[in-house]
Amino acid sequence: MSRVWDTFWTGGTSNPLEVMEQITYLLFIKRLDELQTRKDNKANRTGVPDPDPFFDADQQELRWQNFKARDPEVMYDIVEKGVFPYLRAMGGDESTYSHHMRDARFTIPKPSVLAKVVDLLDAISMESSDTKGDIYEYLLAKIATAGQNGQFRTPRHIIDLMVEMTQPKPGDEVCDPACGTAGFLVQTASYVKREHADALLDREQREHFNASMFHGFDFDSTMLRIGSMNMLLHGIENPDIRYRDSLAESAAGESEKYSLILANPPFAGSLDYEETAADLLRVVKTKKTELLFLALFLRLLKPGGRAAVIVPDGVLFGSTKAHKELRRMLVEDHKLDAVVKLPSGVFKPYAGVSTAILFFTRTDSGGTDNVWFYDVQADGLSLDDKRNLLVPEDRFGVRPMGDPFSPEEHAKNNLPDVLARWHERGGSELERERTDQSFCVPKADIAAQGYDLSLNRYKEIVHEEVETRAPLEILADLERLDAEIAKGTAELKGMLA
């Protein structure tokens, strides 16, 4: 797949998002051709003509299998003047994917580049959703490593941690109101397929999985296209991925709709009051996007719905009225389950911001007894700009292969321990000391601290007693050393004279 990427770059297309977008269009037309081939085979078997073909009789040259064999100049002409207008015309179709194709632009610069990319994509087996998903994961990683677009991608192992801790169920309605490339939704789908495979054998459950389980919003049309294709290639047939300015539009139509929210919303931004939905300002009067998103999550969740969201550290200890009120609401009006502090290098090299994951449940009636804290100090990668693996590949992530971690391995990758101790937060974790890496804090203690949720407010540091020598003894040693230096200097002078 790296050859596809390199072909674009050597051909003069250097914007990673543009590369990704063009590959998305080509993968989409390739998939349409595969689906049409299945429909043709069924029609041949049954003798019943396909009532709703993707390609009419006069559109056959637009099919992947037909234009891929043409000369580069002819193929380029067909794709530019035939395939892309066809994709744009599909915009009125019901499916998520065709909806996001309505403003498709063809920007591949020359026939030779298109011919080479089509050859390379054609050689890749697209039978398995795992294979297709791996292809797209590779490309998404390329977006991240390209630099300025890294903010669109939350590290996959951090997403995995959040998914594993929230344990999505087949009946959940999952939402990411700032979905970007849909990484949270894709990993949730993978978890459900792995852990609840039997449930998905049921027809109604399978229909829910493919059409009404996953919801993602974004106001960047490129991200919507890429996110939709990411979902498609991971085997979700028609997710609800759509344009929505989550903070500007009223949440009334989406209120109390979702049972699970997983998100890494944009932060460090600010909106004017006039640009912000009035129903969010009624929850918390603020211009800060990170606080407005938390207010939005509370609106979108059903009572009993749960959330795992990444927030900047400032949310945990900010002193404004809005900061304090939002934290008070989470603790007193709902159930704040956990604060998982992440090391500041997690989002390097794109940002060194310190972050934490908040886990909470909307209850509208309180329920916070203890809040579980975990201080993640290592995530399996170096915390510098290089982000190199510190453990073997099979020992990386939340569920490493093989035996339990040794203390040395734990020091390099805390994530398996986070998951194990999370499941014990109502049991043995209650007995842990605040000098430990994880511990529980009673609600009363948090209220007494003005609802400050920063881990350092509650963590106790043990200072080891160090015995030092008496000052007079140290001074005597210094005098002895001075005398030796003076003697040596005198001897050196004598030798030089």
Protein backbone atom coordinates (compact mmCIF):
# COMPACT_ATOMS: atom_id res chain seq x y z
CA MET A 1 0.00 0.00 0.00
CA SER A 2 2.98 2.28 0.49
CA ARG A 3 3.51 2.14 -3.28
CA VAL A 4 0.06 3.70 -3.84
CA TRP A 5 0.94 6.52 -1.47
CA ASP A 6 4.37 7.04 -3.05
CA THR A 7 2.83 7.13 -6.55
CA PHE A 8 0.71 10.13 -5.59
CA TRP A 9 3.60 11.94 -3.96
CA THR A 10 6.03 11.39 -6.84
CA GLY A 11 3.21 12.36 -9.23
CA GLY A 12 2.93 15.79 -7.62
CA THR A 13 0.04 15.38 -5.15
CA SER A 14 1.54 16.25 -1.78
CA ASN A 15 -1.50 17.11 0.38
CA PRO A 16 -2.12 13.93 2.41
CA LEU A 17 -5.85 14.61 2.75
CA GLU A 18 -6.19 15.05 -0.99
CA VAL A 19 -4.37 11.76 -1.56
CA MET A 20 -6.69 10.07 0.91
CA GLU A 21 -9.75 11.60 -0.74
CA GLN A 22 -8.79 10.42 -4.23
CA ILE A 23 -8.09 6.90 -2.97
CA THR A 24 -11.49 6.98 -1.24
CA TYR A 25 -13.25 7.77 -4.52
CA LEU A 26 -11.42 5.01 -6.36
CA LEU A 27 -12.16 2.45 -3.63
CA PHE A 28 -15.81 3.48 -3.74
CA ILE A 29 -16.16 2.96 -7.51
CA LYS A 30 -14.30 -0.36 -7.14
CA ARG A 31 -16.76 -1.47 -4.47
CA LEU A 32 -19.75 -0.47 -6.61
CA ASP A 33 -18.40 -2.65 -9.40
CA GLU A 34 -17.98 -5.58 -6.96
CA LEU A 35 -21.56 -5.17 -5.74
CA GLN A 36 -22.84 -4.98 -9.33
CA THR A 37 -20.95 -8.18 -10.17
CA ARG A 38 -22.75 -9.93 -7.29
CA LYS A 39 -26.09 -8.62 -8.56
CA ASP A 40 -25.25 -9.80 -12.09
CA ASN A 41 -24.37 -13.28 -10.81
CA LYS A 42 -27.64 -13.48 -8.90
CA ALA A 43 -29.60 -12.38 -11.98
CA ASN A 44 -27.86 -15.07 -14.06
CA ARG A 45 -28.63 -17.74 -11.46
CA THR A 46 -32.27 -16.82 -11.00
CA GLY A 47 -33.05 -15.62 -14.50
CA VAL A 48 -34.63 -12.50 -12.98
CA PRO A 49 -33.13 -9.21 -14.28
CA ASP A 50 -31.66 -6.84 -11.71
CA PRO A 51 -34.42 -4.25 -11.11
CA ASP A 52 -32.07 -1.56 -9.79
CA PRO A 53 -28.57 -1.84 -11.29
CA PHE A 54 -25.84 0.59 -10.30
CA PHE A 55 -24.79 0.85 -13.96
CA ASP A 56 -27.18 1.10 -16.90
CA ALA A 57 -26.40 -0.48 -20.24
CA ASP A 58 -24.81 2.76 -21.49
CA GLN A 59 -22.72 3.17 -18.31
CA GLN A 60 -20.78 -0.09 -18.54
CA GLU A 61 -17.51 1.65 -19.36
CA LEU A 62 -17.71 3.35 -15.94
CA ARG A 63 -17.27 0.01 -14.18
CA TRP A 64 -13.88 -0.65 -12.59
CA GLN A 65 -13.39 -3.98 -14.35
CA ASN A 66 -13.91 -2.30 -17.75
CA PHE A 67 -11.92 0.94 -17.48
CA LYS A 68 -8.97 -0.58 -15.57
CA ALA A 69 -7.73 -2.34 -18.71
CA ARG A 70 -7.85 0.72 -20.98
CA ASP A 71 -4.85 2.78 -22.09
CA PRO A 72 -3.88 5.40 -19.49
CA GLU A 73 -5.10 8.38 -21.59
CA VAL A 74 -8.43 6.68 -22.35
CA MET A 75 -8.87 5.59 -18.71
CA TYR A 76 -8.12 9.11 -17.51
CA ASP A 77 -10.76 10.54 -19.85
CA ILE A 78 -13.37 7.98 -18.71
CA VAL A 79 -12.69 8.59 -15.01
CA GLU A 80 -12.58 12.38 -15.30
CA LYS A 81 -15.57 12.87 -17.63
CA GLY A 82 -17.62 9.80 -16.79
CA VAL A 83 -16.92 8.24 -13.38
CA PHE A 84 -16.74 11.42 -11.32
CA PRO A 85 -19.89 13.04 -12.77
CA TYR A 86 -21.57 9.67 -12.10
CA LEU A 87 -20.42 9.76 -8.45
CA ARG A 88 -21.70 13.32 -8.02
CA ALA A 89 -25.07 12.34 -9.50
CA MET A 90 -25.41 9.62 -6.86
CA GLY A 91 -25.72 12.29 -4.16
CA GLY A 92 -29.47 11.85 -3.92
CA ASP A 93 -29.16 8.15 -3.15
CA GLU A 94 -30.22 7.01 0.32
CA SER A 95 -26.88 5.53 1.39
CA THR A 96 -24.37 7.36 3.56
CA TYR A 97 -21.59 6.79 1.04
CA SER A 98 -23.28 8.13 -2.08
CA HIS A 99 -24.47 11.15 -0.07
CA HIS A 100 -20.85 12.09 0.66
CA MET A 101 -19.86 11.63 -3.00
CA ARG A 102 -22.04 14.48 -4.27
CA ASP A 103 -19.17 16.98 -4.36
CA ALA A 104 -16.53 14.53 -5.56
CA ARG A 105 -13.60 16.26 -7.29
CA PHE A 106 -11.11 14.51 -9.54
CA THR A 107 -7.63 15.93 -8.89
CA ILE A 108 -5.24 13.16 -9.98
CA PRO A 109 -2.82 15.18 -12.15
CA LYS A 110 -1.99 12.88 -15.06
CA PRO A 111 -2.94 9.59 -16.77
CA SER A 112 0.25 7.76 -15.78
CA VAL A 113 -0.45 8.36 -12.06
CA LEU A 114 -4.07 7.19 -12.36
CA ALA A 115 -3.07 4.05 -14.30
CA LYS A 116 -0.45 3.07 -11.74
CA VAL A 117 -2.77 3.70 -8.76
CA VAL A 118 -5.60 1.69 -10.38
CA ASP A 119 -3.19 -1.20 -11.04
CA LEU A 120 -1.98 -1.18 -7.44
CA LEU A 121 -5.49 -0.98 -5.94
CA ASP A 122 -6.72 -3.70 -8.28
CA ALA A 123 -4.00 -6.07 -7.04
CA ILE A 124 -5.20 -5.79 -3.44
CA SER A 125 -7.69 -8.40 -2.30
CA MET A 126 -10.86 -6.69 -1.08
CA GLU A 127 -12.73 -9.85 -0.06
CA SER A 128 -12.09 -9.58 3.66
CA SER A 129 -13.28 -6.60 5.67
CA ASP A 130 -10.18 -7.09 7.84
CA THR A 131 -7.93 -6.70 4.80
CA LYS A 132 -9.82 -3.65 3.56
CA GLY A 133 -9.80 -2.16 7.03
CA ASP A 134 -6.04 -2.71 7.35
CA ILE A 135 -5.50 -0.88 4.06
CA TYR A 136 -7.42 2.12 5.25
CA GLU A 137 -5.77 2.07 8.68
CA TYR A 138 -2.42 2.26 6.92
CA LEU A 139 -3.55 5.27 4.90
CA LEU A 140 -5.01 7.01 7.95
CA ALA A 141 -1.70 6.53 9.74
CA LYS A 142 -0.05 8.21 6.75
CA ILE A 143 -2.30 11.23 7.27
CA ALA A 144 -1.16 11.40 10.88
CA THR A 145 2.55 11.11 10.07
CA ALA A 146 2.24 13.77 7.37
CA GLY A 147 2.24 16.47 10.03
CA GLN A 148 -0.36 19.19 10.09
CA ASN A 149 -3.32 16.81 9.91
CA GLY A 150 -2.33 14.67 12.89
CA GLN A 151 -5.05 16.22 15.02
CA PHE A 152 -7.62 14.20 13.10
CA ARG A 153 -6.38 10.93 14.51
CA THR A 154 -6.48 9.70 18.08
CA PRO A 155 -3.83 6.98 18.63
CA ARG A 156 -5.48 3.62 18.03
CA HIS A 157 -4.25 2.03 21.25
CA ILE A 158 -5.87 4.86 23.24
CA ILE A 159 -9.13 4.34 21.35
CA ASP A 160 -8.86 0.61 22.09
CA LEU A 161 -8.44 1.34 25.80
CA MET A 162 -11.58 3.49 25.87
CA VAL A 163 -13.60 0.91 23.92
CA GLU A 164 -12.45 -1.99 26.09
CA MET A 165 -13.28 -0.06 29.27
CA THR A 166 -16.80 0.90 28.12
CA GLN A 167 -17.57 -2.61 26.77
CA PRO A 168 -20.03 -1.72 23.95
CA LYS A 169 -23.04 -4.03 23.65
CA PRO A 170 -24.85 -5.08 20.45
CA GLY A 171 -27.90 -3.05 21.49
CA ASP A 172 -26.00 0.19 22.07
CA GLU A 173 -26.49 3.34 20.00
CA VAL A 174 -22.96 4.73 19.72
CA CYS A 175 -22.16 8.35 18.85
CA ASP A 176 -19.04 10.41 18.21
CA PRO A 177 -20.11 14.03 17.72
CA ALA A 178 -16.67 15.00 16.36
CA CYS A 179 -15.93 11.81 14.47
CA GLY A 180 -13.19 12.81 12.01
CA THR A 181 -12.05 9.59 10.35
CA ALA A 182 -14.45 7.52 12.52
CA GLY A 183 -11.73 5.72 14.48
CA PHE A 184 -13.86 5.36 17.62
CA LEU A 185 -16.81 3.94 15.68
CA VAL A 186 -14.61 1.51 13.72
CA GLN A 187 -12.96 0.14 16.87
CA THR A 188 -16.34 -0.15 18.60
CA ALA A 189 -17.62 -2.18 15.64
CA SER A 190 -14.55 -4.44 15.79
CA TYR A 191 -15.08 -4.99 19.53
CA VAL A 192 -18.76 -5.90 19.08
CA LYS A 193 -17.96 -8.30 16.23
CA ARG A 194 -15.30 -9.98 18.38
CA GLU A 195 -17.12 -10.12 21.71
CA HIS A 196 -20.74 -10.54 20.53
CA ALA A 197 -20.41 -12.55 17.33
CA ASP A 198 -23.35 -14.81 18.27
CA ALA A 199 -25.69 -11.86 18.80
CA LEU A 200 -24.95 -10.60 15.29
CA LEU A 201 -26.30 -13.85 13.84
CA ASP A 202 -29.76 -12.52 14.68
CA ARG A 203 -31.24 -10.68 11.67
CA GLU A 204 -32.65 -7.72 13.60
CA GLN A 205 -29.43 -7.32 15.57
CA ARG A 206 -27.40 -7.43 12.36
CA GLU A 207 -29.63 -4.79 10.75
CA HIS A 208 -29.16 -2.58 13.83
CA PHE A 209 -25.39 -3.06 13.59
CA ASN A 210 -25.28 -2.10 9.91
CA ALA A 211 -27.78 0.75 9.82
CA SER A 212 -28.64 2.26 13.21
CA MET A 213 -25.92 1.48 15.76
CA PHE A 214 -23.22 3.94 14.70
CA HIS A 215 -23.58 7.72 14.49
CA GLY A 216 -20.83 10.20 13.64
CA PHE A 217 -20.99 13.94 13.08
CA ASP A 218 -18.44 16.35 11.62
CA PHE A 219 -18.51 19.67 9.79
CA ASP A 220 -15.62 18.83 7.45
CA SER A 221 -16.88 17.16 4.26
CA THR A 222 -13.50 15.56 3.55
CA MET A 223 -13.50 13.96 6.99
CA LEU A 224 -17.06 12.71 6.43
CA ARG A 225 -16.07 11.03 3.18
CA ILE A 226 -12.98 9.45 4.71
CA GLY A 227 -14.85 8.40 7.87
CA SER A 228 -17.68 6.87 5.83
CA MET A 229 -15.28 4.86 3.70
CA ASN A 230 -13.39 3.75 6.80
CA MET A 231 -16.66 2.36 8.20
CA LEU A 232 -17.57 0.72 4.89
CA LEU A 233 -14.21 -1.00 4.57
CA HIS A 234 -14.57 -2.31 8.12
CA GLY A 235 -17.84 -3.98 7.21
CA ILE A 236 -20.53 -1.52 8.39
CA GLU A 237 -22.92 -1.17 5.48
CA ASN A 238 -24.83 2.05 6.16
CA PRO A 239 -23.76 3.99 9.28
CA ASP A 240 -25.17 7.39 10.16
CA ILE A 241 -22.18 9.58 9.25
CA ARG A 242 -23.39 13.10 8.48
CA TYR A 243 -22.67 16.79 8.40
CA ARG A 244 -23.45 18.51 11.66
CA ASP A 245 -21.90 21.47 13.41
CA SER A 246 -22.37 19.89 16.82
CA LEU A 247 -21.85 23.04 18.91
CA ALA A 248 -23.77 25.46 16.68
CA GLU A 249 -26.89 23.40 16.01
CA SER A 250 -29.53 22.72 18.62
CA ALA A 251 -29.26 19.21 20.06
CA ALA A 252 -33.04 18.98 20.46
CA GLY A 253 -33.43 16.44 17.65
CA GLU A 254 -30.65 14.26 19.05
CA SER A 255 -31.36 14.74 22.75
CA GLU A 256 -31.32 11.61 24.94
CA LYS A 257 -30.78 9.39 21.90
CA TYR A 258 -27.48 7.61 22.51
CA SER A 259 -26.40 5.01 25.04
CA LEU A 260 -22.64 5.36 24.48
CA ILE A 261 -20.48 8.33 23.48
CA LEU A 262 -16.80 7.90 22.62
CA ALA A 263 -15.00 11.04 21.53
CA ASN A 264 -11.88 13.15 21.39
CA PRO A 265 -13.47 16.51 20.60
CA PRO A 266 -11.47 19.54 19.47
CA PHE A 267 -10.27 21.66 22.35
CA ALA A 268 -8.36 24.87 22.99
CA GLY A 269 -10.94 26.61 20.84
CA SER A 270 -13.43 29.36 21.59
CA LEU A 271 -16.85 30.21 20.14
CA ASP A 272 -18.84 33.40 20.36
CA TYR A 273 -22.12 33.07 22.23
CA GLU A 274 -24.03 33.95 19.04
CA GLU A 275 -22.45 30.97 17.24
CA THR A 276 -23.27 28.50 20.00
CA ALA A 277 -26.50 26.54 20.31
CA ALA A 278 -28.73 28.15 22.95
CA ASP A 279 -29.60 24.82 24.57
CA LEU A 280 -25.90 24.19 25.32
CA LEU A 281 -25.47 27.64 26.85
CA ARG A 282 -28.35 26.84 29.17
CA VAL A 283 -26.32 23.88 30.47
CA VAL A 284 -23.11 25.90 30.89
CA LYS A 285 -22.43 29.52 29.92
CA THR A 286 -19.00 29.42 28.32
CA LYS A 287 -17.16 30.06 25.06
CA LYS A 288 -14.68 27.20 25.55
CA THR A 289 -15.24 24.32 23.10
CA GLU A 290 -14.04 21.60 25.49
CA LEU A 291 -16.70 22.58 28.05
CA LEU A 292 -19.41 22.99 25.42
CA PHE A 293 -18.71 19.49 24.12
CA LEU A 294 -19.10 18.04 27.62
CA ALA A 295 -22.44 19.86 27.92
CA LEU A 296 -23.40 18.43 24.52
CA PHE A 297 -22.52 14.88 25.60
CA LEU A 298 -24.82 15.19 28.60
CA ARG A 299 -27.62 16.35 26.29
CA LEU A 300 -27.08 13.54 23.76
CA LEU A 301 -26.89 10.67 26.27
CA LYS A 302 -29.94 8.73 27.33
CA PRO A 303 -30.40 8.44 31.10
CA GLY A 304 -28.17 5.48 31.92
CA GLY A 305 -25.99 6.23 28.90
CA ARG A 306 -22.24 6.28 29.41
CA ALA A 307 -19.37 8.25 27.94
CA ALA A 308 -15.60 8.03 27.60
CA VAL A 309 -14.12 11.29 26.32
CA ILE A 310 -10.67 12.84 26.13
CA VAL A 311 -10.35 16.30 27.70
CA PRO A 312 -7.43 18.69 28.24
CA ASP A 313 -6.13 18.89 31.80
CA GLY A 314 -7.57 22.38 32.16
CA VAL A 315 -11.07 20.89 32.34
CA LEU A 316 -10.03 19.04 35.49
CA PHE A 317 -8.86 22.04 37.49
CA GLY A 318 -9.96 25.20 35.63
CA SER A 319 -11.13 27.89 38.05
CA THR A 320 -13.82 29.67 36.01
CA LYS A 321 -17.44 29.45 37.05
CA ALA A 322 -18.22 27.31 33.98
CA HIS A 323 -15.39 24.85 34.75
CA LYS A 324 -16.50 24.41 38.35
CA GLU A 325 -20.19 24.11 37.52
CA LEU A 326 -19.63 21.45 34.86
CA ARG A 327 -17.48 19.37 37.21
CA ARG A 328 -20.07 19.79 39.97
CA MET A 329 -22.78 18.54 37.58
CA LEU A 330 -20.73 15.46 36.65
CA VAL A 331 -20.12 14.58 40.30
CA GLU A 332 -23.41 15.59 41.94
CA ASP A 333 -26.09 15.34 39.21
CA HIS A 334 -24.68 12.34 37.36
CA LYS A 335 -22.17 9.54 38.03
CA LEU A 336 -18.52 10.33 37.42
CA ASP A 337 -16.87 6.93 37.15
CA ALA A 338 -13.19 7.61 36.49
CA VAL A 339 -10.43 10.03 35.58
CA VAL A 340 -7.58 8.35 33.66
CA LYS A 341 -4.62 10.72 33.41
CA LEU A 342 -2.62 10.27 30.19
CA PRO A 343 1.06 11.14 29.80
CA SER A 344 1.64 14.43 27.97
CA GLY A 345 3.47 12.73 25.08
CA VAL A 346 0.48 10.69 23.87
CA PHE A 347 -0.35 13.11 21.04
CA LYS A 348 3.23 13.93 20.04
CA PRO A 349 4.64 14.99 17.66
CA TYR A 350 1.53 17.07 16.87
CA ALA A 351 0.72 18.33 20.36
CA GLY A 352 2.31 18.08 23.78
CA VAL A 353 -0.90 18.94 25.61
CA SER A 354 -1.66 17.06 28.82
CA THR A 355 -4.96 15.18 28.67
CA ALA A 356 -7.14 12.79 30.61
CA ILE A 357 -10.03 10.45 29.80
CA LEU A 358 -13.26 11.11 31.67
CA PHE A 359 -15.66 8.21 32.15
CA PHE A 360 -19.16 9.15 33.28
CA THR A 361 -22.76 7.96 33.22
CA ARG A 362 -25.75 10.22 32.77
CA THR A 363 -28.20 9.52 35.59
CA ASP A 364 -29.96 12.86 36.29
CA SER A 365 -30.02 11.71 39.91
CA GLY A 366 -26.41 11.53 41.07
CA GLY A 367 -24.80 8.22 41.97
CA THR A 368 -21.14 9.18 42.36
CA ASP A 369 -19.83 7.42 45.47
CA ASN A 370 -16.15 7.14 44.60
CA VAL A 371 -14.18 8.38 41.61
CA TRP A 372 -11.45 6.04 40.36
CA PHE A 373 -8.16 7.68 39.34
CA TYR A 374 -5.32 6.11 37.34
CA ASP A 375 -2.02 7.81 36.57
CA VAL A 376 -0.87 6.40 33.21
CA GLN A 377 2.87 6.94 32.96
CA ALA A 378 3.68 4.78 29.92
CA ASP A 379 1.57 3.70 26.92
CA GLY A 380 4.01 1.36 25.19
CA LEU A 381 5.60 4.05 23.02
CA SER A 382 8.36 6.54 23.75
CA LEU A 383 6.91 9.86 24.88
CA ASP A 384 9.11 11.96 22.60
CA ASP A 385 8.40 13.13 19.05
CA LYS A 386 9.57 9.80 17.59
CA ARG A 387 7.00 7.67 19.49
CA ASN A 388 8.98 4.46 19.03
CA LEU A 389 7.71 1.11 20.32
CA LEU A 390 9.15 0.22 23.73
CA VAL A 391 7.78 -3.33 23.78
CA PRO A 392 7.47 -6.06 21.13
CA GLU A 393 4.47 -5.69 18.81
CA ASP A 394 2.60 -8.58 20.46
CA ARG A 395 3.07 -6.98 23.90
CA PHE A 396 1.74 -3.60 22.81
CA GLY A 397 -1.76 -2.24 23.45
CA VAL A 398 -4.50 -3.10 25.91
CA ARG A 399 -4.62 -6.88 25.46
CA PRO A 400 -1.06 -8.12 24.94
CA MET A 401 -0.36 -11.71 23.95
CA GLY A 402 1.30 -14.15 26.32
CA ASP A 403 1.95 -14.12 30.04
CA PRO A 404 1.04 -11.30 32.45
CA PHE A 405 3.40 -8.34 32.39
CA SER A 406 6.56 -8.31 34.46
CA PRO A 407 7.28 -5.12 36.46
CA GLU A 408 9.76 -4.12 33.75
CA GLU A 409 7.13 -4.50 31.01
CA HIS A 410 4.51 -2.69 33.08
CA ALA A 411 6.91 0.25 33.38
CA LYS A 412 6.82 0.52 29.57
CA ASN A 413 3.10 -0.17 28.98
CA ASN A 414 0.50 0.58 31.68
CA LEU A 415 -2.59 -0.01 29.51
CA PRO A 416 -3.28 -3.68 30.39
CA ASP A 417 -3.06 -2.73 34.07
CA VAL A 418 -5.50 0.17 33.53
CA LEU A 419 -8.09 -2.25 32.11
CA ALA A 420 -7.54 -4.89 34.81
CA ARG A 421 -7.79 -2.41 37.68
CA TRP A 422 -10.81 -0.65 36.11
CA HIS A 423 -12.78 -3.87 36.50
CA GLU A 424 -11.83 -3.93 40.21
CA ARG A 425 -12.80 -0.31 40.93
CA GLY A 426 -15.75 -1.43 43.08
CA GLY A 427 -13.65 -3.99 44.95
CA SER A 428 -9.93 -4.21 45.68
CA GLU A 429 -9.25 -0.76 44.21
CA LEU A 430 -11.18 0.80 47.10
CA GLU A 431 -8.43 -0.42 49.43
CA ARG A 432 -5.53 1.08 47.48
CA GLU A 433 -3.42 3.82 49.03
CA ARG A 434 -3.23 7.21 47.39
CA THR A 435 0.46 6.65 46.95
CA ASP A 436 -0.38 3.89 44.41
CA GLN A 437 -0.73 4.35 40.66
CA SER A 438 -4.51 3.95 40.94
CA PHE A 439 -6.87 4.67 43.80
CA CYS A 440 -10.43 5.74 44.62
CA VAL A 441 -11.50 9.10 46.09
CA PRO A 442 -14.84 9.46 47.92
CA LYS A 443 -17.25 12.06 46.56
CA ALA A 444 -17.09 14.05 49.82
CA ASP A 445 -13.34 14.58 49.39
CA ILE A 446 -13.84 15.83 45.83
CA ALA A 447 -16.61 18.20 46.89
CA ALA A 448 -14.38 19.52 49.68
CA GLN A 449 -11.74 20.38 47.05
CA GLY A 450 -14.22 22.45 45.01
CA TYR A 451 -14.73 19.52 42.60
CA ASP A 452 -11.12 19.66 41.44
CA LEU A 453 -10.52 16.48 39.40
CA SER A 454 -6.76 16.72 38.85
CA LEU A 455 -5.06 13.55 40.01
CA ASN A 456 -2.24 15.44 41.72
CA ARG A 457 -4.76 17.03 44.06
CA TYR A 458 -5.36 13.62 45.67
CA LYS A 459 -2.21 11.61 44.98
CA GLU A 460 0.16 11.38 47.91
CA ILE A 461 3.89 11.41 47.26
CA VAL A 462 6.14 9.39 49.53
CA HIS A 463 9.44 11.15 50.14
CA GLU A 464 12.24 8.76 51.03
CA GLU A 465 14.43 9.86 53.91
CA VAL A 466 17.97 10.40 52.74
CA GLU A 467 20.83 10.46 55.24
CA THR A 468 23.36 13.17 54.52
CA ARG A 469 26.81 13.74 56.04
CA ALA A 470 27.41 16.41 58.63
CA PRO A 471 28.34 19.83 57.11
CA LEU A 472 31.60 20.06 59.10
CA GLU A 473 32.65 16.68 57.75
CA ILE A 474 32.01 17.84 54.17
CA LEU A 475 33.96 21.07 54.78
CA ALA A 476 36.90 19.08 56.17
CA ASP A 477 36.97 17.00 52.96
CA LEU A 478 36.92 20.17 50.85
CA GLU A 479 39.86 21.60 52.82
CA ARG A 480 41.79 18.36 52.32
CA LEU A 481 41.11 18.43 48.56
CA ASP A 482 42.18 22.11 48.37
CA ALA A 483 45.45 21.25 50.13
CA GLU A 484 46.11 18.38 47.70
CA ILE A 485 45.42 20.66 44.72
CA ALA A 486 47.75 23.36 46.12
CA LYS A 487 50.50 20.79 46.72
CA GLY A 488 50.10 19.37 43.20
CA THR A 489 50.20 22.87 41.69
CA ALA A 490 53.40 23.70 43.59
CA GLU A 491 55.06 20.48 42.39
CA LEU A 492 54.06 21.20 38.78
CA LYS A 493 55.58 24.71 39.03
CA GLY A 494 58.82 23.23 40.36
CA MET A 495 59.03 20.80 37.44
CA LEU A 496 58.43 23.61 34.91
CA ALA A 497 61.09 25.83 36.53
